Amino acid sequence: MEIIGYIIAAVVGGGTGFFLGRNLLLSMFKGEQIKAKAEAEAILKTADEKAKNIAKEKELEIREKFDQQRRDYNQDVERRNRELNEKEQKAKQRDQQMSQKMEQVARKEQELTQSQSQTEKLQEQLTTRKGELDKAHNEAVSRLEKIAGVSAEEAKNELIAALKEEARAKAFAQVKEVIDEAKSTAAKEAKKVVIETIQRTATEHAIENAISVFPIKSDEVKGQIIGREGRNIRALEAATGVEVIVDDTPDAVILSCFDPLRREIARLSLHRLVTDGRIHPARIEEVVAKVKKQIEDEIMEIGERTCIDLGITGLHKELVRLVGKMRYRSSYGQNLLQHSREVANLCAVMAAELGLNPKLAKRAGLLHDIGKVPDDNPELPHAILGMELAKKYNEHPVVCNAIGAHHDEIEMTDPISAIIQACDAVSGARPGARREVVESYLKRLKELESIANGFNGVQKSYAIQAGRELRVIVESEKVTDEQSDLLSVSISEKIQNEMQYPGQIKVTVIREKRAVSFAK
């Protein structure tokens, strides 16, 4: 019985425990279910809010794009309307000018008709007066014949005979004077004849100028060239050393610089920038660097072509490059390459006539002014500098002596040196070949730049405004703002003490700092 009681108690306790455990599990499951439901509702709410925000952003983006397209369209319509208005105004101006010209032509025709009628009246009056004068003359001649007792024909013959004798005496005296003068000036006239004969071999010469005109398609391009607050022009001027002038000149930009090489670099760079359409300071510096490389290649090609045309072989590559560089240099307004080619041809002809070596003479004639176009500017006469360059690149001693002696800097040791000197004088002295005013102007500008470059911290300097302004660019790491002010004063004082110039020279010191980093 005790065992049965234990069994019953166990069964009752197990049932009770099962029931209590079941209720506890159900209550826990309901709590988790409520919690999961709350989390799901929160997630759905968050997702709904995000979806609404994304929809708002997309709507705003679409509205902005639509507004931008509408603005672009309105700007395009305004631009076209402006162009149409300008064309209409130009057409009206042409019509007005044509009407004025037609009125002027009509007035001129009327004036011409009046002048013709007046001329006819005057002609009639002149005919009448002439008849009266002829009648009076005949009457006067007949009276004189009666008084003198001779006829008019006899008096005329006697007068002619007397005049002939007097004319013979004067003519003989003048002929004698001309012969005496010709004897005294025979040598001078002979030299003139020789120079005029040699002049037949002269090549064309280019009169030097200091500006280049860069054409543009429309005035709208000027705004791109100027850039925001003029930054593009400043970058182009700093990179090339050329003053860019954008004024009211229609469809044109003016490049001003005394150095033809700088102007050519600026012209080609501006052409590339305008063609490409991307104009900003970084792009300008990149294009200028590429153009400088292109110009160097062209200089080498010009030198090689010149040597081929003159039949000169075996010339060192550096000398060939300097020969090509002469294309962008002038001496007293005469293009240096054309002058050197002319001297080379004259030297070859003269050397052949004198029985000397024409090849050496032609080589020396081509290289005689090579000292005017070095990459640096040492304080040496160009004849001595050219001789040093020729020796450096193993040219013949006769060629070296001819280069150094063509301005009597050293003693001549070969007849070819005298030929070089004579042909150089002939090429430079022919009419219209040179202008000394331009050469002195270029020397003054180069002296301006060299004075500025002699100061510490100066990176580069450019003479612009025809020498009325010196623009100096300094290194920001070496020169402070206060030192920039002092530097401009120091340069101005040195220019005043060492140079002679008309008017005044403005010295502008530019200091700018650039921060450059790379994203890798």
Protein backbone atom coordinates (compact mmCIF):
# COMPACT_ATOMS: atom_id res chain seq x y z
CA MET A 1 0.00 0.00 0.00
CA GLU A 2 2.90 2.31 0.77
CA ILE A 3 4.31 1.64 -2.67
CA ILE A 4 0.97 2.42 -4.30
CA GLY A 5 0.81 5.65 -2.32
CA TYR A 6 4.26 6.61 -3.46
CA ILE A 7 3.35 5.89 -7.05
CA ILE A 8 0.18 7.95 -6.82
CA ALA A 9 2.07 10.81 -5.20
CA ALA A 10 4.73 10.64 -7.95
CA VAL A 11 2.13 10.67 -10.67
CA VAL A 12 0.33 13.61 -9.10
CA GLY A 13 3.62 15.52 -8.61
CA GLY A 14 4.73 14.82 -12.20
CA GLY A 15 1.43 16.06 -13.59
CA THR A 16 1.58 19.15 -11.49
CA GLY A 17 5.18 19.86 -12.59
CA PHE A 18 4.29 19.28 -16.25
CA PHE A 19 1.39 21.69 -15.98
CA LEU A 20 3.47 24.36 -14.25
CA GLY A 21 6.35 23.98 -16.77
CA ARG A 22 3.97 24.20 -19.69
CA ASN A 23 2.43 27.41 -18.34
CA LEU A 24 5.91 28.90 -17.76
CA LEU A 25 7.03 28.07 -21.32
CA LEU A 26 3.88 29.57 -22.78
CA SER A 27 4.36 32.79 -20.84
CA MET A 28 8.04 33.04 -22.00
CA PHE A 29 7.06 32.35 -25.62
CA LYS A 30 4.42 35.07 -25.51
CA GLY A 31 7.00 37.57 -24.16
CA GLU A 32 9.48 36.75 -26.96
CA GLN A 33 6.70 37.00 -29.50
CA ILE A 34 5.70 40.45 -28.25
CA LYS A 35 9.33 41.58 -28.27
CA ALA A 36 9.90 40.25 -31.82
CA LYS A 37 6.75 41.95 -32.99
CA ALA A 38 7.90 45.26 -31.50
CA GLU A 39 11.30 44.94 -33.19
CA ALA A 40 9.68 44.11 -36.54
CA GLU A 41 7.42 47.16 -36.25
CA ALA A 42 10.48 49.35 -35.46
CA ILE A 43 12.39 47.94 -38.47
CA LEU A 44 9.39 48.53 -40.72
CA LYS A 45 9.07 52.08 -39.44
CA THR A 46 12.78 52.79 -40.03
CA ALA A 47 12.63 51.31 -43.52
CA ASP A 48 9.57 53.39 -44.28
CA GLU A 49 11.35 56.57 -43.15
CA LYS A 50 14.45 55.73 -45.23
CA ALA A 51 12.30 55.08 -48.27
CA LYS A 52 10.59 58.44 -47.80
CA ASN A 53 13.97 60.21 -47.45
CA ILE A 54 15.35 58.50 -50.56
CA ALA A 55 12.24 59.48 -52.47
CA LYS A 56 12.64 63.09 -51.32
CA GLU A 57 16.33 63.15 -52.33
CA LYS A 58 15.58 61.71 -55.75
CA GLU A 59 12.79 64.24 -56.20
CA LEU A 60 15.14 67.11 -55.25
CA GLU A 61 17.84 65.79 -57.58
CA ILE A 62 15.39 65.55 -60.45
CA ARG A 63 14.16 69.07 -59.73
CA GLU A 64 17.74 70.42 -59.67
CA LYS A 65 18.55 68.72 -62.97
CA PHE A 66 15.38 70.11 -64.48
CA ASP A 67 16.17 73.60 -63.18
CA GLN A 68 19.74 73.39 -64.53
CA GLN A 69 18.51 72.25 -67.95
CA ARG A 70 15.96 75.05 -67.95
CA ARG A 71 18.65 77.61 -67.04
CA ASP A 72 20.97 76.26 -69.76
CA TYR A 73 18.17 76.44 -72.27
CA ASN A 74 17.30 80.02 -71.25
CA GLN A 75 20.97 81.04 -71.50
CA ASP A 76 21.23 79.46 -74.94
CA VAL A 77 18.07 81.28 -76.04
CA GLU A 78 19.40 84.58 -74.69
CA ARG A 79 22.73 84.09 -76.44
CA ARG A 80 21.04 83.36 -79.75
CA ASN A 81 18.78 86.37 -79.32
CA ARG A 82 21.83 88.55 -78.66
CA GLU A 83 23.55 87.20 -81.76
CA LEU A 84 20.44 87.86 -83.84
CA ASN A 85 20.19 91.41 -82.46
CA GLU A 86 23.86 92.05 -83.20
CA LYS A 87 23.48 90.76 -86.75
CA GLU A 88 20.38 92.93 -87.24
CA GLN A 89 22.24 95.97 -85.94
CA LYS A 90 25.20 95.26 -88.24
CA ALA A 91 22.83 94.86 -91.19
CA LYS A 92 21.15 98.17 -90.34
CA GLN A 93 24.55 99.86 -90.08
CA ARG A 94 25.55 98.45 -93.47
CA ASP A 95 22.29 99.74 -94.99
CA GLN A 96 22.88 103.16 -93.49
CA GLN A 97 26.47 103.24 -94.75
CA MET A 98 25.31 102.15 -98.21
CA SER A 99 22.68 104.88 -98.26
CA GLN A 100 25.25 107.47 -97.22
CA LYS A 101 27.64 106.28 -99.93
CA MET A 102 24.88 106.47 -102.55
CA GLU A 103 24.10 110.02 -101.44
CA GLN A 104 27.78 110.93 -101.66
CA VAL A 105 28.01 109.43 -105.16
CA ALA A 106 24.97 111.42 -106.25
CA ARG A 107 26.48 114.63 -104.85
CA LYS A 108 29.79 113.90 -106.56
CA GLU A 109 28.00 113.34 -109.90
CA GLN A 110 26.18 116.65 -109.52
CA GLU A 111 29.41 118.46 -108.64
CA LEU A 112 31.14 116.81 -111.59
CA THR A 113 28.39 117.97 -113.96
CA GLN A 114 28.72 121.51 -112.64
CA SER A 115 32.51 121.39 -112.98
CA GLN A 116 32.22 120.21 -116.60
CA SER A 117 29.90 123.07 -117.48
CA GLN A 118 32.25 125.57 -115.80
CA THR A 119 35.22 124.04 -117.63
CA GLU A 120 33.46 124.44 -120.99
CA LYS A 121 32.76 128.10 -120.25
CA LEU A 122 36.38 128.70 -119.26
CA GLN A 123 37.56 126.93 -122.43
CA GLU A 124 35.45 129.24 -124.55
CA GLN A 125 36.85 132.28 -122.71
CA LEU A 126 40.42 131.00 -123.17
CA THR A 127 39.86 130.50 -126.90
CA THR A 128 38.59 134.06 -127.22
CA ARG A 129 41.53 135.46 -125.19
CA LYS A 130 44.04 133.42 -127.22
CA GLY A 131 42.72 134.89 -130.47
CA GLU A 132 43.02 138.39 -129.04
CA LEU A 133 46.60 137.73 -127.82
CA ASP A 134 47.67 136.32 -131.20
CA LYS A 135 46.33 139.41 -132.94
CA ALA A 136 48.12 141.73 -130.49
CA HIS A 137 51.38 139.73 -130.86
CA ASN A 138 51.33 139.95 -134.64
CA GLU A 139 50.75 143.70 -134.47
CA ALA A 140 53.65 144.11 -131.96
CA VAL A 141 56.03 142.04 -134.16
CA SER A 142 55.22 144.11 -137.23
CA ARG A 143 55.89 147.35 -135.32
CA LEU A 144 59.24 146.00 -134.00
CA GLU A 145 60.30 144.95 -137.54
CA LYS A 146 59.61 148.49 -138.82
CA ILE A 147 61.57 150.07 -135.91
CA ALA A 148 64.60 147.64 -136.06
CA GLY A 149 64.82 147.49 -139.84
CA VAL A 150 65.16 143.62 -139.78
CA SER A 151 62.63 140.85 -140.01
CA ALA A 152 61.62 138.67 -137.07
CA GLU A 153 63.27 135.58 -138.66
CA GLU A 154 66.63 137.33 -139.06
CA ALA A 155 66.55 138.58 -135.42
CA LYS A 156 65.71 135.05 -134.26
CA ASN A 157 68.68 133.51 -136.15
CA GLU A 158 71.14 136.06 -134.70
CA LEU A 159 69.84 135.41 -131.16
CA ILE A 160 70.15 131.63 -131.61
CA ALA A 161 73.75 131.92 -132.82
CA ALA A 162 74.74 134.03 -129.81
CA LEU A 163 73.06 131.60 -127.40
CA LYS A 164 74.85 128.64 -128.99
CA GLU A 165 78.28 130.21 -128.45
CA GLU A 166 77.46 131.01 -124.83
CA ALA A 167 76.09 127.48 -124.24
CA ARG A 168 79.22 125.86 -125.72
CA ALA A 169 81.47 127.83 -123.38
CA LYS A 170 79.40 126.96 -120.29
CA ALA A 171 79.08 123.30 -121.31
CA PHE A 172 82.84 122.97 -121.82
CA ALA A 173 83.48 124.44 -118.34
CA GLN A 174 80.93 122.06 -116.74
CA VAL A 175 82.40 119.03 -118.55
CA LYS A 176 85.86 119.93 -117.29
CA GLU A 177 84.52 120.20 -113.71
CA VAL A 178 82.73 116.83 -114.00
CA ILE A 179 85.90 115.13 -115.31
CA ASP A 180 88.01 116.55 -112.46
CA GLU A 181 85.41 115.48 -109.89
CA ALA A 182 85.15 112.00 -111.44
CA LYS A 183 88.92 111.55 -111.19
CA SER A 184 88.93 112.51 -107.51
CA THR A 185 86.00 110.22 -106.66
CA ALA A 186 86.86 107.30 -108.96
CA ALA A 187 87.87 104.99 -106.11
CA LYS A 188 84.69 105.75 -104.16
CA GLU A 189 82.47 105.17 -107.17
CA ALA A 190 84.24 101.88 -107.93
CA LYS A 191 83.50 100.66 -104.40
CA LYS A 192 79.85 101.56 -104.84
CA VAL A 193 79.72 99.58 -108.07
CA VAL A 194 81.27 96.54 -106.35
CA ILE A 195 78.82 96.71 -103.43
CA GLU A 196 75.84 97.09 -105.76
CA THR A 197 77.07 94.06 -107.71
CA ILE A 198 77.46 91.93 -104.58
CA GLN A 199 74.06 93.10 -103.40
CA ARG A 200 72.44 91.00 -106.13
CA THR A 201 73.09 87.91 -104.01
CA ALA A 202 71.35 89.41 -100.97
CA THR A 203 68.48 87.43 -99.46
CA GLU A 204 65.28 88.84 -98.08
CA HIS A 205 65.46 90.42 -94.67
CA ALA A 206 62.78 90.60 -92.01
CA ILE A 207 62.15 93.89 -90.22
CA GLU A 208 61.76 93.03 -86.57
CA ASN A 209 58.69 93.87 -84.53
CA ALA A 210 57.70 93.38 -80.92
CA ILE A 211 54.08 92.19 -81.19
CA SER A 212 52.13 89.30 -82.66
CA VAL A 213 48.38 89.34 -83.32
CA PHE A 214 46.55 86.13 -82.37
CA PRO A 215 43.19 85.83 -84.16
CA ILE A 216 40.17 84.35 -82.36
CA LYS A 217 36.79 83.28 -83.71
CA SER A 218 34.66 85.47 -81.46
CA ASP A 219 34.96 87.87 -78.55
CA GLU A 220 33.51 85.22 -76.22
CA VAL A 221 36.87 83.44 -76.31
CA LYS A 222 38.45 86.52 -74.73
CA GLY A 223 36.62 85.81 -71.49
CA GLN A 224 38.04 82.28 -71.41
CA ILE A 225 41.53 83.60 -72.07
CA ILE A 226 41.23 86.18 -69.28
CA GLY A 227 39.86 83.69 -66.74
CA ARG A 228 38.39 84.40 -63.35
CA GLU A 229 39.82 87.72 -62.12
CA GLY A 230 42.49 87.48 -64.82
CA ARG A 231 44.20 84.34 -63.44
CA ASN A 232 44.62 82.71 -66.88
CA ILE A 233 46.40 85.75 -68.32
CA ARG A 234 48.66 85.96 -65.27
CA ALA A 235 49.52 82.27 -65.55
CA LEU A 236 50.29 82.57 -69.28
CA GLU A 237 52.43 85.68 -68.76
CA ALA A 238 54.33 84.02 -65.89
CA ALA A 239 54.96 80.85 -67.91
CA THR A 240 56.07 82.52 -71.17
CA GLY A 241 57.28 86.01 -70.25
CA VAL A 242 54.99 87.55 -72.88
CA GLU A 243 52.50 90.31 -72.17
CA VAL A 244 48.98 89.33 -73.24
CA ILE A 245 46.91 92.37 -74.24
CA VAL A 246 43.14 91.86 -74.45
CA ASP A 247 41.51 95.13 -75.50
CA ASP A 248 38.68 96.30 -77.75
CA THR A 249 40.40 95.00 -80.88
CA PRO A 250 37.74 92.78 -82.52
CA ASP A 251 38.48 89.05 -82.85
CA ALA A 252 42.14 89.42 -81.86
CA VAL A 253 44.48 89.14 -78.87
CA ILE A 254 47.86 90.91 -78.95
CA LEU A 255 51.06 89.22 -77.71
CA SER A 256 53.81 91.71 -76.88
CA CYS A 257 57.46 90.78 -76.20
CA PHE A 258 60.87 91.80 -77.53
CA ASP A 259 61.99 88.15 -77.78
CA PRO A 260 60.59 86.44 -80.94
CA LEU A 261 61.11 82.98 -79.42
CA ARG A 262 58.94 83.80 -76.41
CA ARG A 263 56.25 85.26 -78.66
CA GLU A 264 56.20 82.12 -80.82
CA ILE A 265 55.90 79.89 -77.72
CA ALA A 266 53.04 82.04 -76.39
CA ARG A 267 51.27 82.06 -79.78
CA LEU A 268 51.41 78.28 -80.22
CA SER A 269 50.40 77.69 -76.58
CA LEU A 270 47.41 80.01 -76.90
CA HIS A 271 46.39 78.30 -80.14
CA ARG A 272 46.40 74.89 -78.45
CA LEU A 273 44.51 76.17 -75.41
CA VAL A 274 41.79 77.88 -77.48
CA THR A 275 41.44 74.84 -79.74
CA ASP A 276 41.18 72.48 -76.75
CA GLY A 277 38.83 74.77 -74.79
CA ARG A 278 40.31 73.85 -71.39
CA ILE A 279 41.99 77.02 -70.14
CA HIS A 280 43.14 77.15 -66.52
CA PRO A 281 46.53 77.79 -64.84
CA ALA A 282 47.57 74.14 -64.49
CA ARG A 283 46.63 73.38 -68.10
CA ILE A 284 48.46 76.52 -69.28
CA GLU A 285 51.71 75.45 -67.62
CA GLU A 286 51.37 71.94 -69.10
CA VAL A 287 50.74 73.25 -72.64
CA VAL A 288 53.60 75.78 -72.45
CA ALA A 289 56.01 73.02 -71.43
CA LYS A 290 54.91 70.88 -74.40
CA VAL A 291 55.20 73.81 -76.82
CA LYS A 292 58.71 74.58 -75.59
CA LYS A 293 59.67 70.98 -76.37
CA GLN A 294 58.07 71.30 -79.82
CA ILE A 295 59.97 74.56 -80.51
CA GLU A 296 63.24 72.87 -79.54
CA ASP A 297 62.54 70.11 -82.07
CA GLU A 298 61.70 72.71 -84.76
CA ILE A 299 64.92 74.62 -84.00
CA MET A 300 66.91 71.43 -84.54
CA GLU A 301 65.07 70.78 -87.80
CA ILE A 302 65.72 74.35 -89.05
CA GLY A 303 69.43 73.98 -88.28
CA GLU A 304 69.66 70.66 -90.12
CA ARG A 305 67.76 72.02 -93.14
CA THR A 306 70.04 75.08 -93.28
CA CYS A 307 73.15 72.90 -93.27
CA ILE A 308 71.69 70.74 -96.04
CA ASP A 309 70.81 73.79 -98.15
CA LEU A 310 74.35 75.19 -97.81
CA GLY A 311 76.04 71.81 -98.30
CA ILE A 312 77.74 71.89 -94.87
CA THR A 313 78.36 68.48 -93.30
CA GLY A 314 79.93 67.15 -90.12
CA LEU A 315 78.65 69.97 -87.91
CA HIS A 316 78.20 69.09 -84.23
CA LYS A 317 74.57 68.69 -83.11
CA GLU A 318 74.87 71.50 -80.59
CA LEU A 319 76.14 73.86 -83.28
CA VAL A 320 73.29 72.72 -85.55
CA ARG A 321 70.84 73.58 -82.76
CA LEU A 322 72.38 77.03 -82.32
CA VAL A 323 72.13 77.62 -86.08
CA GLY A 324 68.42 76.81 -85.92
CA LYS A 325 68.03 79.09 -82.91
CA MET A 326 69.29 82.00 -85.02
CA ARG A 327 65.93 81.84 -86.81
CA TYR A 328 64.41 83.51 -83.70
CA ARG A 329 67.11 86.16 -83.23
CA SER A 330 67.66 89.46 -85.00
CA SER A 331 70.63 91.81 -85.17
CA TYR A 332 69.81 95.49 -85.72
CA GLY A 333 66.48 94.46 -87.21
CA GLN A 334 68.06 91.90 -89.60
CA ASN A 335 67.16 88.23 -89.13
CA LEU A 336 70.30 86.51 -87.88
CA LEU A 337 69.79 83.23 -89.76
CA GLN A 338 69.16 84.99 -93.08
CA HIS A 339 72.19 87.22 -92.44
CA SER A 340 74.40 84.19 -91.70
CA ARG A 341 73.20 82.33 -94.80
CA GLU A 342 73.88 85.42 -96.92
CA VAL A 343 77.38 85.82 -95.44
CA ALA A 344 78.10 82.11 -96.03
CA ASN A 345 77.16 82.35 -99.73
CA LEU A 346 79.15 85.57 -100.23
CA CYS A 347 82.20 84.06 -98.50
CA ALA A 348 82.09 80.94 -100.69
CA VAL A 349 81.94 83.03 -103.89
CA MET A 350 84.70 85.39 -102.79
CA ALA A 351 86.96 82.55 -101.58
CA ALA A 352 86.54 80.70 -104.88
CA GLU A 353 87.46 83.86 -106.81
CA LEU A 354 90.61 84.28 -104.68
CA GLY A 355 91.67 80.63 -104.94
CA LEU A 356 90.97 79.80 -101.27
CA ASN A 357 88.94 76.97 -99.74
CA PRO A 358 85.25 77.84 -100.37
CA LYS A 359 83.93 75.11 -98.04
CA LEU A 360 85.84 76.44 -95.03
CA ALA A 361 84.80 80.00 -95.94
CA LYS A 362 81.12 79.01 -96.17
CA ARG A 363 81.32 77.13 -92.86
CA ALA A 364 82.92 80.11 -91.11
CA GLY A 365 80.38 82.49 -92.67
CA LEU A 366 77.48 80.45 -91.32
CA LEU A 367 78.97 80.22 -87.81
CA HIS A 368 80.44 83.73 -87.51
CA ASP A 369 77.55 85.06 -85.34
CA ILE A 370 76.94 81.83 -83.39
CA GLY A 371 77.98 83.65 -80.22
CA LYS A 372 74.79 85.75 -80.30
CA VAL A 373 72.47 82.81 -79.51
CA PRO A 374 73.93 80.86 -76.56
CA ASP A 375 71.64 79.42 -73.89
CA ASP A 376 73.37 81.53 -71.22
CA ASN A 377 74.60 85.12 -71.50
CA PRO A 378 78.24 85.33 -70.35
CA GLU A 379 79.99 88.69 -70.23
CA LEU A 380 81.98 88.08 -73.43
CA PRO A 381 81.84 89.66 -76.91
CA HIS A 382 79.82 87.49 -79.25
CA ALA A 383 82.83 86.94 -81.56
CA ILE A 384 84.98 85.53 -78.72
CA LEU A 385 82.08 83.48 -77.38
CA GLY A 386 81.42 82.04 -80.85
CA MET A 387 85.12 81.17 -81.23
CA GLU A 388 85.07 79.37 -77.86
CA LEU A 389 81.99 77.39 -78.90
CA ALA A 390 83.63 76.42 -82.21
CA LYS A 391 86.78 75.25 -80.39
CA LYS A 392 84.66 73.31 -77.89
CA TYR A 393 83.02 71.33 -80.70
CA ASN A 394 86.30 70.70 -82.62
CA GLU A 395 85.85 73.05 -85.56
CA HIS A 396 88.79 73.74 -87.92
CA PRO A 397 91.30 76.32 -86.53
CA VAL A 398 90.76 78.52 -89.61
CA VAL A 399 87.01 78.60 -88.86
CA CYS A 400 87.66 79.39 -85.18
CA ASN A 401 90.01 82.26 -86.04
CA ALA A 402 87.59 83.68 -88.63
CA ILE A 403 84.75 83.69 -86.08
CA GLY A 404 86.84 85.36 -83.37
CA ALA A 405 88.48 87.95 -85.65
CA HIS A 406 85.52 89.18 -87.71
CA HIS A 407 85.19 92.20 -85.34
CA ASP A 408 88.97 92.55 -84.75
CA GLU A 409 88.68 91.01 -81.28
CA ILE A 410 91.76 88.87 -82.03
CA GLU A 411 94.46 88.92 -84.72
CA MET A 412 93.69 87.37 -88.13
CA THR A 413 95.85 84.38 -89.03
CA ASP A 414 94.28 83.37 -92.36
CA PRO A 415 92.93 85.22 -95.44
CA ILE A 416 89.55 83.60 -94.88
CA SER A 417 89.19 85.68 -91.70
CA ALA A 418 89.43 88.86 -93.78
CA ILE A 419 86.83 87.48 -96.20
CA ILE A 420 84.41 86.81 -93.30
CA GLN A 421 84.87 90.34 -92.00
CA ALA A 422 84.30 91.90 -95.44
CA CYS A 423 81.21 89.80 -96.26
CA ASP A 424 79.72 90.47 -92.81
CA ALA A 425 80.09 94.21 -93.48
CA VAL A 426 78.60 93.88 -96.97
CA SER A 427 75.55 91.95 -95.70
CA GLY A 428 74.95 94.37 -92.83
CA ALA A 429 75.60 97.58 -94.79
CA ARG A 430 73.31 96.99 -97.75
CA PRO A 431 70.34 99.40 -97.91
CA GLY A 432 67.49 98.56 -95.54
CA ALA A 433 69.20 95.57 -93.95
CA ARG A 434 69.56 96.84 -90.40
CA ARG A 435 68.03 99.24 -87.92
CA GLU A 436 70.26 100.17 -84.99
CA VAL A 437 67.36 101.67 -83.01
CA VAL A 438 65.71 98.25 -82.58
CA GLU A 439 68.98 96.65 -81.51
CA SER A 440 69.65 99.24 -78.80
CA TYR A 441 66.04 98.78 -77.60
CA LEU A 442 66.51 95.00 -77.31
CA LYS A 443 69.81 95.44 -75.48
CA ARG A 444 68.11 97.73 -72.98
CA LEU A 445 65.35 95.18 -72.31
CA LYS A 446 67.85 92.36 -71.83
CA GLU A 447 69.90 94.52 -69.47
CA LEU A 448 66.72 95.19 -67.47
CA GLU A 449 66.08 91.47 -67.03
CA SER A 450 69.72 90.71 -66.18
CA ILE A 451 69.71 93.37 -63.42
CA ALA A 452 66.64 91.80 -61.79
CA ASN A 453 68.00 88.25 -62.14
CA GLY A 454 71.14 89.28 -60.23
CA PHE A 455 69.23 89.63 -56.92
CA ASN A 456 68.87 86.70 -54.50
CA GLY A 457 65.52 84.96 -54.45
CA VAL A 458 64.53 86.05 -57.99
CA GLN A 459 63.18 83.10 -59.95
CA LYS A 460 62.66 84.84 -63.29
CA SER A 461 61.98 88.31 -64.66
CA TYR A 462 60.32 89.68 -67.78
CA ALA A 463 60.53 93.13 -69.38
CA ILE A 464 57.10 94.05 -70.75
CA GLN A 465 55.19 97.16 -71.87
CA ALA A 466 58.03 97.99 -74.34
CA GLY A 467 60.46 98.25 -71.43
CA ARG A 468 58.24 100.48 -69.30
CA GLU A 469 57.54 97.68 -66.80
CA LEU A 470 59.77 95.01 -65.26
CA ARG A 471 57.84 92.07 -63.81
CA VAL A 472 59.90 90.07 -61.28
CA ILE A 473 58.76 86.67 -59.97
CA VAL A 474 60.43 85.61 -56.68
CA GLU A 475 60.59 82.34 -54.76
CA SER A 476 58.11 82.42 -51.87
CA GLU A 477 60.36 80.23 -49.68
CA LYS A 478 63.29 82.68 -49.89
CA VAL A 479 61.56 86.07 -50.04
CA THR A 480 58.90 87.30 -47.61
CA ASP A 481 56.24 89.93 -48.28
CA GLU A 482 58.28 92.62 -46.49
CA GLN A 483 61.41 91.63 -48.42
CA SER A 484 59.41 91.88 -51.68
CA ASP A 485 58.79 95.58 -51.03
CA LEU A 486 62.48 96.14 -50.28
CA LEU A 487 63.47 94.14 -53.37
CA SER A 488 61.36 96.31 -55.71
CA VAL A 489 63.00 99.45 -54.28
CA SER A 490 66.50 97.96 -54.61
CA ILE A 491 65.93 96.94 -58.24
CA SER A 492 64.54 100.41 -59.06
CA GLU A 493 67.59 102.11 -57.53
CA LYS A 494 70.01 99.87 -59.40
CA ILE A 495 68.21 100.56 -62.70
CA GLN A 496 68.42 104.31 -62.04
CA ASN A 497 72.15 104.14 -61.29
CA GLU A 498 73.26 101.79 -64.07
CA MET A 499 70.95 102.39 -67.04
CA GLN A 500 69.83 105.14 -69.37
CA TYR A 501 66.20 105.01 -70.49
CA PRO A 502 63.38 107.34 -71.53
CA GLY A 503 60.49 108.05 -69.15
CA GLN A 504 60.08 105.76 -66.15
CA ILE A 505 60.16 102.00 -65.50
CA LYS A 506 57.64 100.30 -63.21
CA VAL A 507 59.12 97.42 -61.17
CA THR A 508 56.51 94.85 -60.08
CA VAL A 509 57.57 92.06 -57.70
CA ILE A 510 55.22 89.04 -57.66
CA ARG A 511 55.30 86.53 -54.80
CA GLU A 512 52.90 83.62 -54.69
CA LYS A 513 52.88 80.36 -52.77
CA ARG A 514 51.73 77.04 -54.22
CA ALA A 515 50.78 73.99 -52.17
CA VAL A 516 50.99 70.75 -54.17
CA SER A 517 50.11 67.22 -53.02
CA PHE A 518 49.35 63.96 -54.76
CA ALA A 519 46.52 61.48 -54.12
CA LYS A 520 47.90 57.94 -54.46
